[in-house]
Amino acid sequence: MANSAVDIKEENREAYYLFLDNLREVGCCNMFGASPYLREEFSELDTKTAQKVLGDWMKSFSERHPD
């Protein structure tokens, strides 16, 4: 199965990450299931893009939030 690139506008990435940071802080959901929350908040995101944003957020979390 080919892995196609997902286009995420860099100017929106900060807003997505801030939303996910806040969602994590509130603790209302398991973050592995947070992509539907992203899609609800940001109507421009489809399922695949929301999952990509979430994965990128998870990969970069420790770098963006050092102890």
N, C-alpha and C. Protein backbone atom coordinates (compact mmCIF):
# COMPACT_ATOMS: atom_id res chain seq x y z
N MET A 1 0.85 -1.19 0.00
CA MET A 1 0.00 0.00 0.00
C MET A 1 0.88 1.24 0.00
N ALA A 2 0.65 2.12 -0.92
CA ALA A 2 1.45 3.35 -1.03
C ALA A 2 1.06 4.33 0.06
N ASN A 3 2.03 5.04 0.56
CA ASN A 3 1.80 6.03 1.60
C ASN A 3 1.80 7.41 0.95
N SER A 4 0.63 7.96 0.71
CA SER A 4 0.54 9.26 0.05
C SER A 4 0.76 10.39 1.05
N ALA A 5 1.32 11.47 0.57
CA ALA A 5 1.60 12.62 1.41
C ALA A 5 0.30 13.35 1.75
N VAL A 6 0.23 13.84 2.96
CA VAL A 6 -0.93 14.62 3.40
C VAL A 6 -0.45 16.06 3.55
N ASP A 7 -1.17 16.98 2.94
CA ASP A 7 -0.80 18.39 2.97
C ASP A 7 -1.40 19.06 4.20
N ILE A 8 -0.52 19.48 5.11
CA ILE A 8 -0.95 20.21 6.31
C ILE A 8 -0.33 21.59 6.22
N LYS A 9 -1.18 22.59 6.18
CA LYS A 9 -0.68 23.97 6.08
C LYS A 9 0.06 24.33 7.37
N GLU A 10 1.28 24.76 7.21
CA GLU A 10 2.12 25.08 8.37
C GLU A 10 1.51 26.18 9.23
N GLU A 11 0.82 27.13 8.60
CA GLU A 11 0.24 28.21 9.39
C GLU A 11 -0.89 27.72 10.29
N ASN A 12 -1.45 26.54 9.99
CA ASN A 12 -2.51 25.97 10.82
C ASN A 12 -1.98 25.00 11.88
N ARG A 13 -0.79 24.49 11.65
CA ARG A 13 -0.23 23.47 12.54
C ARG A 13 -0.18 23.94 13.99
N GLU A 14 0.21 25.17 14.23
CA GLU A 14 0.29 25.69 15.59
C GLU A 14 -1.07 25.66 16.28
N ALA A 15 -2.11 26.03 15.56
CA ALA A 15 -3.46 26.01 16.12
C ALA A 15 -3.90 24.58 16.43
N TYR A 16 -3.58 23.65 15.54
CA TYR A 16 -3.92 22.24 15.78
C TYR A 16 -3.19 21.72 17.02
N TYR A 17 -1.90 22.02 17.11
CA TYR A 17 -1.11 21.53 18.24
C TYR A 17 -1.58 22.16 19.55
N LEU A 18 -1.90 23.43 19.53
CA LEU A 18 -2.40 24.09 20.74
C LEU A 18 -3.72 23.45 21.18
N PHE A 19 -4.59 23.19 20.23
CA PHE A 19 -5.85 22.52 20.54
C PHE A 19 -5.59 21.16 21.18
N LEU A 20 -4.68 20.38 20.60
CA LEU A 20 -4.36 19.06 21.15
C LEU A 20 -3.70 19.15 22.52
N ASP A 21 -2.82 20.14 22.70
CA ASP A 21 -2.21 20.36 24.02
C ASP A 21 -3.28 20.62 25.07
N ASN A 22 -4.24 21.48 24.72
CA ASN A 22 -5.32 21.80 25.65
C ASN A 22 -6.22 20.60 25.91
N LEU A 23 -6.50 19.83 24.88
CA LEU A 23 -7.31 18.63 25.02
C LEU A 23 -6.62 17.64 25.96
N ARG A 24 -5.33 17.49 25.82
CA ARG A 24 -4.55 16.61 26.70
C ARG A 24 -4.60 17.11 28.14
N GLU A 25 -4.44 18.42 28.30
CA GLU A 25 -4.44 19.02 29.63
C GLU A 25 -5.77 18.78 30.35
N VAL A 26 -6.87 18.90 29.62
CA VAL A 26 -8.20 18.69 30.21
C VAL A 26 -8.40 17.22 30.56
N GLY A 27 -7.81 16.33 29.78
CA GLY A 27 -7.89 14.91 30.08
C GLY A 27 -9.22 14.26 29.76
N CYS A 28 -9.94 14.81 28.80
CA CYS A 28 -11.27 14.29 28.50
C CYS A 28 -11.26 13.04 27.64
N CYS A 29 -10.11 12.71 27.03
CA CYS A 29 -10.09 11.54 26.16
C CYS A 29 -8.69 10.94 26.13
N ASN A 30 -8.62 9.71 25.67
CA ASN A 30 -7.35 9.09 25.37
C ASN A 30 -6.85 9.76 24.10
N MET A 31 -5.64 10.28 24.12
CA MET A 31 -5.15 11.05 22.99
C MET A 31 -4.99 10.22 21.72
N PHE A 32 -4.90 8.91 21.82
CA PHE A 32 -4.86 8.09 20.62
C PHE A 32 -6.16 8.17 19.84
N GLY A 33 -7.23 8.59 20.50
CA GLY A 33 -8.52 8.74 19.85
C GLY A 33 -8.93 10.18 19.65
N ALA A 34 -7.97 11.09 19.57
CA ALA A 34 -8.28 12.52 19.52
C ALA A 34 -8.57 13.06 18.12
N SER A 35 -8.35 12.29 17.08
CA SER A 35 -8.56 12.85 15.74
C SER A 35 -10.02 13.27 15.48
N PRO A 36 -11.04 12.59 16.00
CA PRO A 36 -12.40 13.10 15.79
C PRO A 36 -12.63 14.47 16.44
N TYR A 37 -11.96 14.72 17.56
CA TYR A 37 -12.06 16.03 18.20
C TYR A 37 -11.45 17.10 17.31
N LEU A 38 -10.33 16.77 16.67
CA LEU A 38 -9.70 17.70 15.72
C LEU A 38 -10.64 18.02 14.57
N ARG A 39 -11.25 16.98 14.01
CA ARG A 39 -12.16 17.18 12.88
C ARG A 39 -13.36 18.01 13.28
N GLU A 40 -13.85 17.82 14.50
CA GLU A 40 -15.00 18.59 14.97
C GLU A 40 -14.63 20.07 15.14
N GLU A 41 -13.45 20.31 15.65
CA GLU A 41 -13.01 21.69 15.90
C GLU A 41 -12.57 22.41 14.62
N PHE A 42 -11.95 21.68 13.72
CA PHE A 42 -11.39 22.26 12.50
C PHE A 42 -12.04 21.59 11.29
N SER A 43 -13.03 22.23 10.75
CA SER A 43 -13.83 21.63 9.68
C SER A 43 -13.04 21.38 8.39
N GLU A 44 -11.89 22.02 8.24
CA GLU A 44 -11.09 21.81 7.03
C GLU A 44 -10.36 20.46 7.04
N LEU A 45 -10.30 19.80 8.18
CA LEU A 45 -9.58 18.54 8.29
C LEU A 45 -10.48 17.36 7.93
N ASP A 46 -9.98 16.50 7.07
CA ASP A 46 -10.66 15.24 6.84
C ASP A 46 -10.04 14.19 7.77
N THR A 47 -10.54 12.99 7.74
CA THR A 47 -10.08 11.96 8.67
C THR A 47 -8.59 11.69 8.54
N LYS A 48 -8.12 11.51 7.32
CA LYS A 48 -6.71 11.18 7.10
C LYS A 48 -5.79 12.32 7.57
N THR A 49 -6.17 13.54 7.28
CA THR A 49 -5.34 14.68 7.68
C THR A 49 -5.34 14.85 9.18
N ALA A 50 -6.49 14.68 9.82
CA ALA A 50 -6.56 14.78 11.28
C ALA A 50 -5.69 13.72 11.94
N GLN A 51 -5.67 12.53 11.40
CA GLN A 51 -4.82 11.46 11.93
C GLN A 51 -3.35 11.79 11.75
N LYS A 52 -3.01 12.40 10.62
CA LYS A 52 -1.63 12.82 10.37
C LYS A 52 -1.21 13.91 11.35
N VAL A 53 -2.08 14.90 11.56
CA VAL A 53 -1.79 15.97 12.52
C VAL A 53 -1.56 15.37 13.91
N LEU A 54 -2.44 14.47 14.31
CA LEU A 54 -2.32 13.84 15.63
C LEU A 54 -1.01 13.07 15.75
N GLY A 55 -0.66 12.30 14.73
CA GLY A 55 0.60 11.57 14.76
C GLY A 55 1.80 12.48 14.84
N ASP A 56 1.79 13.55 14.07
CA ASP A 56 2.89 14.52 14.10
C ASP A 56 2.97 15.18 15.48
N TRP A 57 1.81 15.50 16.05
CA TRP A 57 1.77 16.11 17.39
C TRP A 57 2.39 15.17 18.42
N MET A 58 2.03 13.89 18.34
CA MET A 58 2.57 12.91 19.28
C MET A 58 4.08 12.78 19.13
N LYS A 59 4.56 12.73 17.90
CA LYS A 59 6.00 12.58 17.64
C LYS A 59 6.79 13.78 18.13
N SER A 60 6.20 14.95 18.08
CA SER A 60 6.93 16.17 18.44
C SER A 60 6.67 16.63 19.87
N PHE A 61 5.83 15.91 20.62
CA PHE A 61 5.41 16.40 21.93
C PHE A 61 6.59 16.63 22.88
N SER A 62 7.46 15.65 23.03
CA SER A 62 8.55 15.78 24.00
C SER A 62 9.52 16.89 23.60
N GLU A 63 9.67 17.11 22.31
CA GLU A 63 10.54 18.20 21.84
C GLU A 63 9.93 19.56 22.15
N ARG A 64 8.61 19.65 21.99
CA ARG A 64 7.93 20.92 22.23
C ARG A 64 7.67 21.17 23.71
N HIS A 65 7.68 20.11 24.51
CA HIS A 65 7.40 20.23 25.95
C HIS A 65 8.49 19.52 26.76
N PRO A 66 9.70 20.06 26.73
CA PRO A 66 10.77 19.42 27.52
C PRO A 66 10.48 19.58 29.02
N ASP A 67 10.95 18.65 29.78
CA ASP A 67 10.72 18.69 31.24
C ASP A 67 11.23 19.91 31.86
